[in-house]
């Protein structure tokens, strides 16, 4: 019974985490990233885009840490992990880490563009 309760809690956390991946689409109210990039001309424009990517970086790092913790929990609970949950968490954590690095790179590129903008 306790195992099912633990599984239910983990599944709720996973479901809640899924909603974290849904795009809100704005760094500034009423402006989406595509518009920001398309219209970027000034240093401030590129700084705003970099800030947008930095928020995405932080979110990806948080998801990475979350999946690492869940994977460790599954590894410590072999009864639940028979289906390979920990492997899925390891894969998702690695993908989140890679995503964070890509967002960091994009933020850096836009910071560099901000320095060279008029």
C-alpha atoms as a PDB file:
ATOM      1  CA  UNK A   1       0.000   0.000   0.000  1.00  0.00           C
ATOM      2  CA  UNK A   2       2.841   2.373   0.893  1.00  0.00           C
ATOM      3  CA  UNK A   3       4.533   1.622  -2.442  1.00  0.00           C
ATOM      4  CA  UNK A   4       1.389   2.570  -4.365  1.00  0.00           C
ATOM      5  CA  UNK A   5       1.105   5.787  -2.408  1.00  0.00           C
ATOM      6  CA  UNK A   6       4.730   6.622  -3.174  1.00  0.00           C
ATOM      7  CA  UNK A   7       4.189   5.817  -6.841  1.00  0.00           C
ATOM      8  CA  UNK A   8       1.104   8.034  -6.913  1.00  0.00           C
ATOM      9  CA  UNK A   9       3.070  10.913  -5.411  1.00  0.00           C
ATOM     10  CA  UNK A  10       5.885  10.474  -7.917  1.00  0.00           C
ATOM     11  CA  UNK A  11       3.404  10.337 -10.796  1.00  0.00           C
ATOM     12  CA  UNK A  12       1.755  13.553  -9.591  1.00  0.00           C
ATOM     13  CA  UNK A  13       5.165  15.230  -9.469  1.00  0.00           C
ATOM     14  CA  UNK A  14       5.880  14.025 -13.000  1.00  0.00           C
ATOM     15  CA  UNK A  15       2.505  15.270 -14.215  1.00  0.00           C
ATOM     16  CA  UNK A  16       3.071  18.638 -12.575  1.00  0.00           C
ATOM     17  CA  UNK A  17       6.529  18.778 -14.154  1.00  0.00           C
ATOM     18  CA  UNK A  18       5.023  18.161 -17.564  1.00  0.00           C
ATOM     19  CA  UNK A  19       3.041  21.365 -17.284  1.00  0.00           C
ATOM     20  CA  UNK A  20       6.319  23.175 -16.635  1.00  0.00           C
ATOM     21  CA  UNK A  21       7.319  22.370 -20.210  1.00  0.00           C
ATOM     22  CA  UNK A  22       4.296  24.082 -21.693  1.00  0.00           C
ATOM     23  CA  UNK A  23       5.385  27.302 -23.283  1.00  0.00           C
ATOM     24  CA  UNK A  24       4.070  30.512 -21.857  1.00  0.00           C
ATOM     25  CA  UNK A  25       5.641  32.167 -24.884  1.00  0.00           C
ATOM     26  CA  UNK A  26       6.575  35.503 -23.370  1.00  0.00           C
ATOM     27  CA  UNK A  27       9.563  37.088 -21.743  1.00  0.00           C
ATOM     28  CA  UNK A  28       7.701  40.349 -21.665  1.00  0.00           C
ATOM     29  CA  UNK A  29       3.947  40.542 -21.448  1.00  0.00           C
ATOM     30  CA  UNK A  30       2.458  40.490 -24.960  1.00  0.00           C
ATOM     31  CA  UNK A  31       5.725  39.704 -26.770  1.00  0.00           C
ATOM     32  CA  UNK A  32       6.787  36.240 -27.821  1.00  0.00           C
ATOM     33  CA  UNK A  33      10.350  35.093 -28.383  1.00  0.00           C
ATOM     34  CA  UNK A  34      10.012  34.882 -32.147  1.00  0.00           C
ATOM     35  CA  UNK A  35       8.929  38.521 -32.294  1.00  0.00           C
ATOM     36  CA  UNK A  36      11.717  39.543 -29.942  1.00  0.00           C
ATOM     37  CA  UNK A  37      14.331  37.859 -32.138  1.00  0.00           C
ATOM     38  CA  UNK A  38      12.848  39.118 -35.391  1.00  0.00           C
ATOM     39  CA  UNK A  39      12.713  42.708 -34.138  1.00  0.00           C
ATOM     40  CA  UNK A  40      16.017  42.771 -32.208  1.00  0.00           C
ATOM     41  CA  UNK A  41      18.173  45.731 -33.230  1.00  0.00           C
ATOM     42  CA  UNK A  42      19.489  47.344 -30.076  1.00  0.00           C
ATOM     43  CA  UNK A  43      21.669  46.176 -27.212  1.00  0.00           C
ATOM     44  CA  UNK A  44      18.606  46.292 -24.950  1.00  0.00           C
ATOM     45  CA  UNK A  45      16.715  44.012 -27.357  1.00  0.00           C
ATOM     46  CA  UNK A  46      19.488  41.416 -27.241  1.00  0.00           C
ATOM     47  CA  UNK A  47      19.800  41.745 -23.454  1.00  0.00           C
ATOM     48  CA  UNK A  48      16.069  41.011 -23.163  1.00  0.00           C
ATOM     49  CA  UNK A  49      16.472  37.907 -25.331  1.00  0.00           C
ATOM     50  CA  UNK A  50      19.463  36.802 -23.261  1.00  0.00           C
ATOM     51  CA  UNK A  51      17.384  37.239 -20.097  1.00  0.00           C
ATOM     52  CA  UNK A  52      14.635  35.128 -21.668  1.00  0.00           C
ATOM     53  CA  UNK A  53      17.121  32.340 -22.374  1.00  0.00           C
ATOM     54  CA  UNK A  54      18.584  32.648 -18.880  1.00  0.00           C
ATOM     55  CA  UNK A  55      15.134  31.967 -17.421  1.00  0.00           C
ATOM     56  CA  UNK A  56      14.872  28.919 -19.679  1.00  0.00           C
ATOM     57  CA  UNK A  57      18.349  27.859 -18.506  1.00  0.00           C
ATOM     58  CA  UNK A  58      17.301  28.049 -14.867  1.00  0.00           C
ATOM     59  CA  UNK A  59      14.132  26.067 -15.561  1.00  0.00           C
ATOM     60  CA  UNK A  60      16.094  23.363 -17.412  1.00  0.00           C
ATOM     61  CA  UNK A  61      18.614  23.134 -14.546  1.00  0.00           C
ATOM     62  CA  UNK A  62      15.729  22.739 -12.092  1.00  0.00           C
ATOM     63  CA  UNK A  63      14.180  19.953 -14.207  1.00  0.00           C
ATOM     64  CA  UNK A  64      17.591  18.280 -14.452  1.00  0.00           C
ATOM     65  CA  UNK A  65      17.967  18.262 -10.664  1.00  0.00           C
ATOM     66  CA  UNK A  66      14.378  17.075 -10.201  1.00  0.00           C
ATOM     67  CA  UNK A  67      14.841  14.096 -12.512  1.00  0.00           C
ATOM     68  CA  UNK A  68      18.182  13.214 -10.940  1.00  0.00           C
ATOM     69  CA  UNK A  69      16.492  13.059  -7.535  1.00  0.00           C
ATOM     70  CA  UNK A  70      13.615  10.982  -8.862  1.00  0.00           C
ATOM     71  CA  UNK A  71      16.040   8.619 -10.579  1.00  0.00           C
ATOM     72  CA  UNK A  72      17.941   8.158  -7.326  1.00  0.00           C
ATOM     73  CA  UNK A  73      14.681   7.458  -5.496  1.00  0.00           C
ATOM     74  CA  UNK A  74      13.752   4.800  -8.036  1.00  0.00           C
ATOM     75  CA  UNK A  75      17.202   3.198  -7.757  1.00  0.00           C
ATOM     76  CA  UNK A  76      16.756   2.950  -3.987  1.00  0.00           C
ATOM     77  CA  UNK A  77      13.320   1.350  -4.428  1.00  0.00           C
ATOM     78  CA  UNK A  78      13.884  -1.681  -6.647  1.00  0.00           C
ATOM     79  CA  UNK A  79      10.295  -2.891  -6.222  1.00  0.00           C
ATOM     80  CA  UNK A  80       9.065   0.178  -8.083  1.00  0.00           C
ATOM     81  CA  UNK A  81      12.051   0.355 -10.438  1.00  0.00           C
ATOM     82  CA  UNK A  82      11.394  -3.048 -12.049  1.00  0.00           C
ATOM     83  CA  UNK A  83      10.015  -1.248 -15.099  1.00  0.00           C
ATOM     84  CA  UNK A  84      13.146   0.863 -15.490  1.00  0.00           C
ATOM     85  CA  UNK A  85      11.842   4.175 -14.174  1.00  0.00           C
ATOM     86  CA  UNK A  86      15.352   5.216 -13.116  1.00  0.00           C
ATOM     87  CA  UNK A  87      16.622   4.772 -16.672  1.00  0.00           C
ATOM     88  CA  UNK A  88      13.913   7.104 -17.951  1.00  0.00           C
ATOM     89  CA  UNK A  89      14.802   9.670 -15.287  1.00  0.00           C
ATOM     90  CA  UNK A  90      18.492   9.421 -16.199  1.00  0.00           C
ATOM     91  CA  UNK A  91      17.692  10.044 -19.863  1.00  0.00           C
ATOM     92  CA  UNK A  92      15.380  12.972 -19.105  1.00  0.00           C
ATOM     93  CA  UNK A  93      17.934  14.470 -16.682  1.00  0.00           C
ATOM     94  CA  UNK A  94      20.667  14.223 -19.336  1.00  0.00           C
ATOM     95  CA  UNK A  95      18.390  15.858 -21.908  1.00  0.00           C
ATOM     96  CA  UNK A  96      17.488  18.643 -19.465  1.00  0.00           C
ATOM     97  CA  UNK A  97      21.186  19.222 -18.764  1.00  0.00           C
ATOM     98  CA  UNK A  98      21.919  19.410 -22.497  1.00  0.00           C
ATOM     99  CA  UNK A  99      18.994  21.787 -22.977  1.00  0.00           C
ATOM    100  CA  UNK A 100      20.291  24.024 -20.177  1.00  0.00           C
ATOM    101  CA  UNK A 101      23.702  24.192 -21.850  1.00  0.00           C
ATOM    102  CA  UNK A 102      22.110  25.141 -25.172  1.00  0.00           C
ATOM    103  CA  UNK A 103      20.059  27.899 -23.534  1.00  0.00           C
ATOM    104  CA  UNK A 104      23.228  29.146 -21.815  1.00  0.00           C
ATOM    105  CA  UNK A 105      24.958  29.270 -25.198  1.00  0.00           C
ATOM    106  CA  UNK A 106      22.057  31.192 -26.741  1.00  0.00           C
ATOM    107  CA  UNK A 107      22.069  33.676 -23.857  1.00  0.00           C
ATOM    108  CA  UNK A 108      25.814  34.191 -24.303  1.00  0.00           C
ATOM    109  CA  UNK A 109      25.421  34.758 -28.037  1.00  0.00           C
ATOM    110  CA  UNK A 110      22.787  37.413 -27.456  1.00  0.00           C
ATOM    111  CA  UNK A 111      24.893  39.053 -24.728  1.00  0.00           C
ATOM    112  CA  UNK A 112      27.747  39.197 -27.257  1.00  0.00           C
ATOM    113  CA  UNK A 113      25.373  40.654 -29.855  1.00  0.00           C
ATOM    114  CA  UNK A 114      24.243  43.236 -27.290  1.00  0.00           C
ATOM    115  CA  UNK A 115      27.865  44.335 -26.812  1.00  0.00           C
ATOM    116  CA  UNK A 116      28.333  44.900 -30.533  1.00  0.00           C
ATOM    117  CA  UNK A 117      24.900  46.476 -31.142  1.00  0.00           C
ATOM    118  CA  UNK A 118      24.518  50.215 -31.538  1.00  0.00           C
END
